Amino acid sequence: MEIERALAIKMNSLEDLVRLATSLSISQMTTYILKFLYNNKLYLGLLGVFRDYYKYYGIPIFYYTVLEGDEKEKAIDAKYIIVSTDKDVVEFSKTPKPGLSIPLITLAQKPLFIPDDI
């Protein structure tokens, strides 16, 4: 059985991904960010769908960023991304803190519906 793949959209930065997650959590429900290792890189991303976009309505989208180096080391064991409510600061943490705490959900592997060429 062939599995349909999500449309993968790479974000410009971690901060862009976090701003998207923040805006979704404010307007909808609590948002989480998926985290997984693939090809020795750490991926952070969230799932969404095209809404009201002509014939592409309902296509799943994976918005993501890739962390390497120092950023990867800070994020690898983190369980939350903390967004400060009074300044544009993003921080990784093992526990929730004041501000918006976005849960990081660690997956055992890259999901099959995420394209291999991310």
C-alpha atoms as a PDB file:
ATOM      1  CA  MET A   1       0.000   0.000   0.000  1.00  0.00           C
ATOM      2  CA  GLU A   2       1.379   3.388  -0.981  1.00  0.00           C
ATOM      3  CA  ILE A   3       1.120   6.099   1.648  1.00  0.00           C
ATOM      4  CA  GLU A   4       0.213   9.609   0.535  1.00  0.00           C
ATOM      5  CA  ARG A   5       2.894  12.100   1.542  1.00  0.00           C
ATOM      6  CA  ALA A   6       2.430  15.476   3.155  1.00  0.00           C
ATOM      7  CA  LEU A   7       3.637  18.575   1.371  1.00  0.00           C
ATOM      8  CA  ALA A   8       6.844  19.564   3.201  1.00  0.00           C
ATOM      9  CA  ILE A   9       7.484  23.287   3.563  1.00  0.00           C
ATOM     10  CA  LYS A  10      10.834  24.292   5.032  1.00  0.00           C
ATOM     11  CA  MET A  11      10.683  27.359   7.219  1.00  0.00           C
ATOM     12  CA  ASN A  12      13.407  30.001   7.066  1.00  0.00           C
ATOM     13  CA  SER A  13      14.271  29.631  10.763  1.00  0.00           C
ATOM     14  CA  LEU A  14      13.290  28.107  14.085  1.00  0.00           C
ATOM     15  CA  GLU A  15      11.814  31.463  15.060  1.00  0.00           C
ATOM     16  CA  ASP A  16       9.510  31.388  12.016  1.00  0.00           C
ATOM     17  CA  LEU A  17       8.282  27.907  12.950  1.00  0.00           C
ATOM     18  CA  VAL A  18       7.681  29.018  16.548  1.00  0.00           C
ATOM     19  CA  ARG A  19       5.763  32.117  15.416  1.00  0.00           C
ATOM     20  CA  LEU A  20       3.542  29.893  13.276  1.00  0.00           C
ATOM     21  CA  ALA A  21       2.967  27.502  16.200  1.00  0.00           C
ATOM     22  CA  THR A  22       2.231  30.442  18.498  1.00  0.00           C
ATOM     23  CA  SER A  23      -0.301  31.940  16.121  1.00  0.00           C
ATOM     24  CA  LEU A  24      -2.025  28.566  15.739  1.00  0.00           C
ATOM     25  CA  SER A  25      -2.189  27.986  19.488  1.00  0.00           C
ATOM     26  CA  ILE A  26      -3.768  31.389  20.047  1.00  0.00           C
ATOM     27  CA  SER A  27      -6.397  31.036  17.333  1.00  0.00           C
ATOM     28  CA  GLN A  28      -7.208  27.333  17.644  1.00  0.00           C
ATOM     29  CA  MET A  29      -6.153  24.874  20.297  1.00  0.00           C
ATOM     30  CA  THR A  30      -2.946  23.979  22.057  1.00  0.00           C
ATOM     31  CA  THR A  31      -0.249  23.358  19.483  1.00  0.00           C
ATOM     32  CA  TYR A  32       2.664  20.955  19.724  1.00  0.00           C
ATOM     33  CA  ILE A  33       5.817  20.603  17.655  1.00  0.00           C
ATOM     34  CA  LEU A  34       7.022  17.213  16.447  1.00  0.00           C
ATOM     35  CA  LYS A  35      10.704  16.373  16.890  1.00  0.00           C
ATOM     36  CA  PHE A  36      12.634  13.523  15.229  1.00  0.00           C
ATOM     37  CA  LEU A  37      16.111  12.574  14.044  1.00  0.00           C
ATOM     38  CA  TYR A  38      16.593  11.749  10.373  1.00  0.00           C
ATOM     39  CA  ASN A  39      19.900  11.438   8.515  1.00  0.00           C
ATOM     40  CA  ASN A  40      21.712  12.697  11.637  1.00  0.00           C
ATOM     41  CA  LYS A  41      19.738  15.967  11.590  1.00  0.00           C
ATOM     42  CA  LEU A  42      17.135  17.087  14.099  1.00  0.00           C
ATOM     43  CA  TYR A  43      13.801  18.076  12.559  1.00  0.00           C
ATOM     44  CA  LEU A  44      11.182  20.191  14.305  1.00  0.00           C
ATOM     45  CA  GLY A  45       7.854  20.675  12.614  1.00  0.00           C
ATOM     46  CA  LEU A  46       4.111  20.893  12.831  1.00  0.00           C
ATOM     47  CA  LEU A  47       1.293  19.534  10.748  1.00  0.00           C
ATOM     48  CA  GLY A  48      -1.394  21.592   9.082  1.00  0.00           C
ATOM     49  CA  VAL A  49      -3.709  21.442   6.084  1.00  0.00           C
ATOM     50  CA  PHE A  50      -4.461  23.764   3.189  1.00  0.00           C
ATOM     51  CA  ARG A  51      -7.843  25.358   3.870  1.00  0.00           C
ATOM     52  CA  ASP A  52      -9.962  27.034   1.231  1.00  0.00           C
ATOM     53  CA  TYR A  53      -7.234  26.927  -1.390  1.00  0.00           C
ATOM     54  CA  TYR A  54      -8.997  25.968  -4.601  1.00  0.00           C
ATOM     55  CA  LYS A  55      -8.552  22.292  -5.489  1.00  0.00           C
ATOM     56  CA  TYR A  56      -5.816  21.820  -2.859  1.00  0.00           C
ATOM     57  CA  TYR A  57      -8.255  21.956   0.043  1.00  0.00           C
ATOM     58  CA  GLY A  58      -7.307  19.420   2.696  1.00  0.00           C
ATOM     59  CA  ILE A  59      -3.753  18.631   1.506  1.00  0.00           C
ATOM     60  CA  PRO A  60      -1.616  17.881   4.585  1.00  0.00           C
ATOM     61  CA  ILE A  61       1.376  20.171   5.120  1.00  0.00           C
ATOM     62  CA  PHE A  62       4.443  19.610   7.284  1.00  0.00           C
ATOM     63  CA  TYR A  63       6.013  22.953   8.205  1.00  0.00           C
ATOM     64  CA  TYR A  64       9.534  22.248   9.444  1.00  0.00           C
ATOM     65  CA  THR A  65      13.018  23.436  10.230  1.00  0.00           C
ATOM     66  CA  VAL A  66      16.281  21.523  10.596  1.00  0.00           C
ATOM     67  CA  LEU A  67      18.525  22.030  13.596  1.00  0.00           C
ATOM     68  CA  GLU A  68      22.225  21.293  13.490  1.00  0.00           C
ATOM     69  CA  GLY A  69      25.246  22.138  15.627  1.00  0.00           C
ATOM     70  CA  ASP A  70      24.713  24.058  18.863  1.00  0.00           C
ATOM     71  CA  GLU A  71      20.974  24.544  18.253  1.00  0.00           C
ATOM     72  CA  LYS A  72      20.568  20.771  17.810  1.00  0.00           C
ATOM     73  CA  GLU A  73      22.421  20.084  21.067  1.00  0.00           C
ATOM     74  CA  LYS A  74      20.181  22.492  22.985  1.00  0.00           C
ATOM     75  CA  ALA A  75      17.010  20.971  21.535  1.00  0.00           C
ATOM     76  CA  ILE A  76      17.826  17.248  21.582  1.00  0.00           C
ATOM     77  CA  ASP A  77      16.716  16.619  25.196  1.00  0.00           C
ATOM     78  CA  ALA A  78      14.249  19.509  25.486  1.00  0.00           C
ATOM     79  CA  LYS A  79      10.585  18.841  26.101  1.00  0.00           C
ATOM     80  CA  TYR A  80       9.331  22.411  25.502  1.00  0.00           C
ATOM     81  CA  ILE A  81      10.012  25.497  23.466  1.00  0.00           C
ATOM     82  CA  ILE A  82       9.413  28.544  25.632  1.00  0.00           C
ATOM     83  CA  VAL A  83       8.225  31.719  23.937  1.00  0.00           C
ATOM     84  CA  SER A  84       8.656  34.852  26.019  1.00  0.00           C
ATOM     85  CA  THR A  85       5.529  36.989  26.038  1.00  0.00           C
ATOM     86  CA  ASP A  86       7.357  40.292  26.461  1.00  0.00           C
ATOM     87  CA  LYS A  87      10.202  39.881  23.933  1.00  0.00           C
ATOM     88  CA  ASP A  88      11.013  37.890  20.815  1.00  0.00           C
ATOM     89  CA  VAL A  89      13.015  35.144  22.544  1.00  0.00           C
ATOM     90  CA  VAL A  90      12.820  31.390  21.984  1.00  0.00           C
ATOM     91  CA  GLU A  91      14.361  28.955  24.461  1.00  0.00           C
ATOM     92  CA  PHE A  92      14.497  25.174  24.852  1.00  0.00           C
ATOM     93  CA  SER A  93      13.580  23.700  28.237  1.00  0.00           C
ATOM     94  CA  LYS A  94      12.939  20.369  29.954  1.00  0.00           C
ATOM     95  CA  THR A  95      10.102  21.939  31.977  1.00  0.00           C
ATOM     96  CA  PRO A  96       7.332  24.470  31.270  1.00  0.00           C
ATOM     97  CA  LYS A  97       8.137  28.065  32.228  1.00  0.00           C
ATOM     98  CA  PRO A  98       6.331  31.414  32.285  1.00  0.00           C
ATOM     99  CA  GLY A  99       5.320  32.547  28.832  1.00  0.00           C
ATOM    100  CA  LEU A 100       3.988  30.167  26.209  1.00  0.00           C
ATOM    101  CA  SER A 101       5.348  26.623  26.634  1.00  0.00           C
ATOM    102  CA  ILE A 102       4.948  24.701  23.372  1.00  0.00           C
ATOM    103  CA  PRO A 103       5.353  20.953  23.933  1.00  0.00           C
ATOM    104  CA  LEU A 104       7.957  19.120  21.851  1.00  0.00           C
ATOM    105  CA  ILE A 105       6.736  15.617  21.026  1.00  0.00           C
ATOM    106  CA  THR A 106       9.676  13.323  20.261  1.00  0.00           C
ATOM    107  CA  LEU A 107       8.976  10.648  17.669  1.00  0.00           C
ATOM    108  CA  ALA A 108      10.982   7.406  17.477  1.00  0.00           C
ATOM    109  CA  GLN A 109      11.523   7.948  13.750  1.00  0.00           C
ATOM    110  CA  LYS A 110      10.467  10.067  10.790  1.00  0.00           C
ATOM    111  CA  PRO A 111       6.803   9.334  10.002  1.00  0.00           C
ATOM    112  CA  LEU A 112       6.163   7.565   6.701  1.00  0.00           C
ATOM    113  CA  PHE A 113       3.929  10.378   5.464  1.00  0.00           C
ATOM    114  CA  ILE A 114       6.825  12.902   5.632  1.00  0.00           C
ATOM    115  CA  PRO A 115       8.764  12.938   2.321  1.00  0.00           C
ATOM    116  CA  ASP A 116      12.213  11.320   2.389  1.00  0.00           C
ATOM    117  CA  ASP A 117      13.820  14.247   0.591  1.00  0.00           C
ATOM    118  CA  ILE A 118      13.283  16.811   3.346  1.00  0.00           C
END
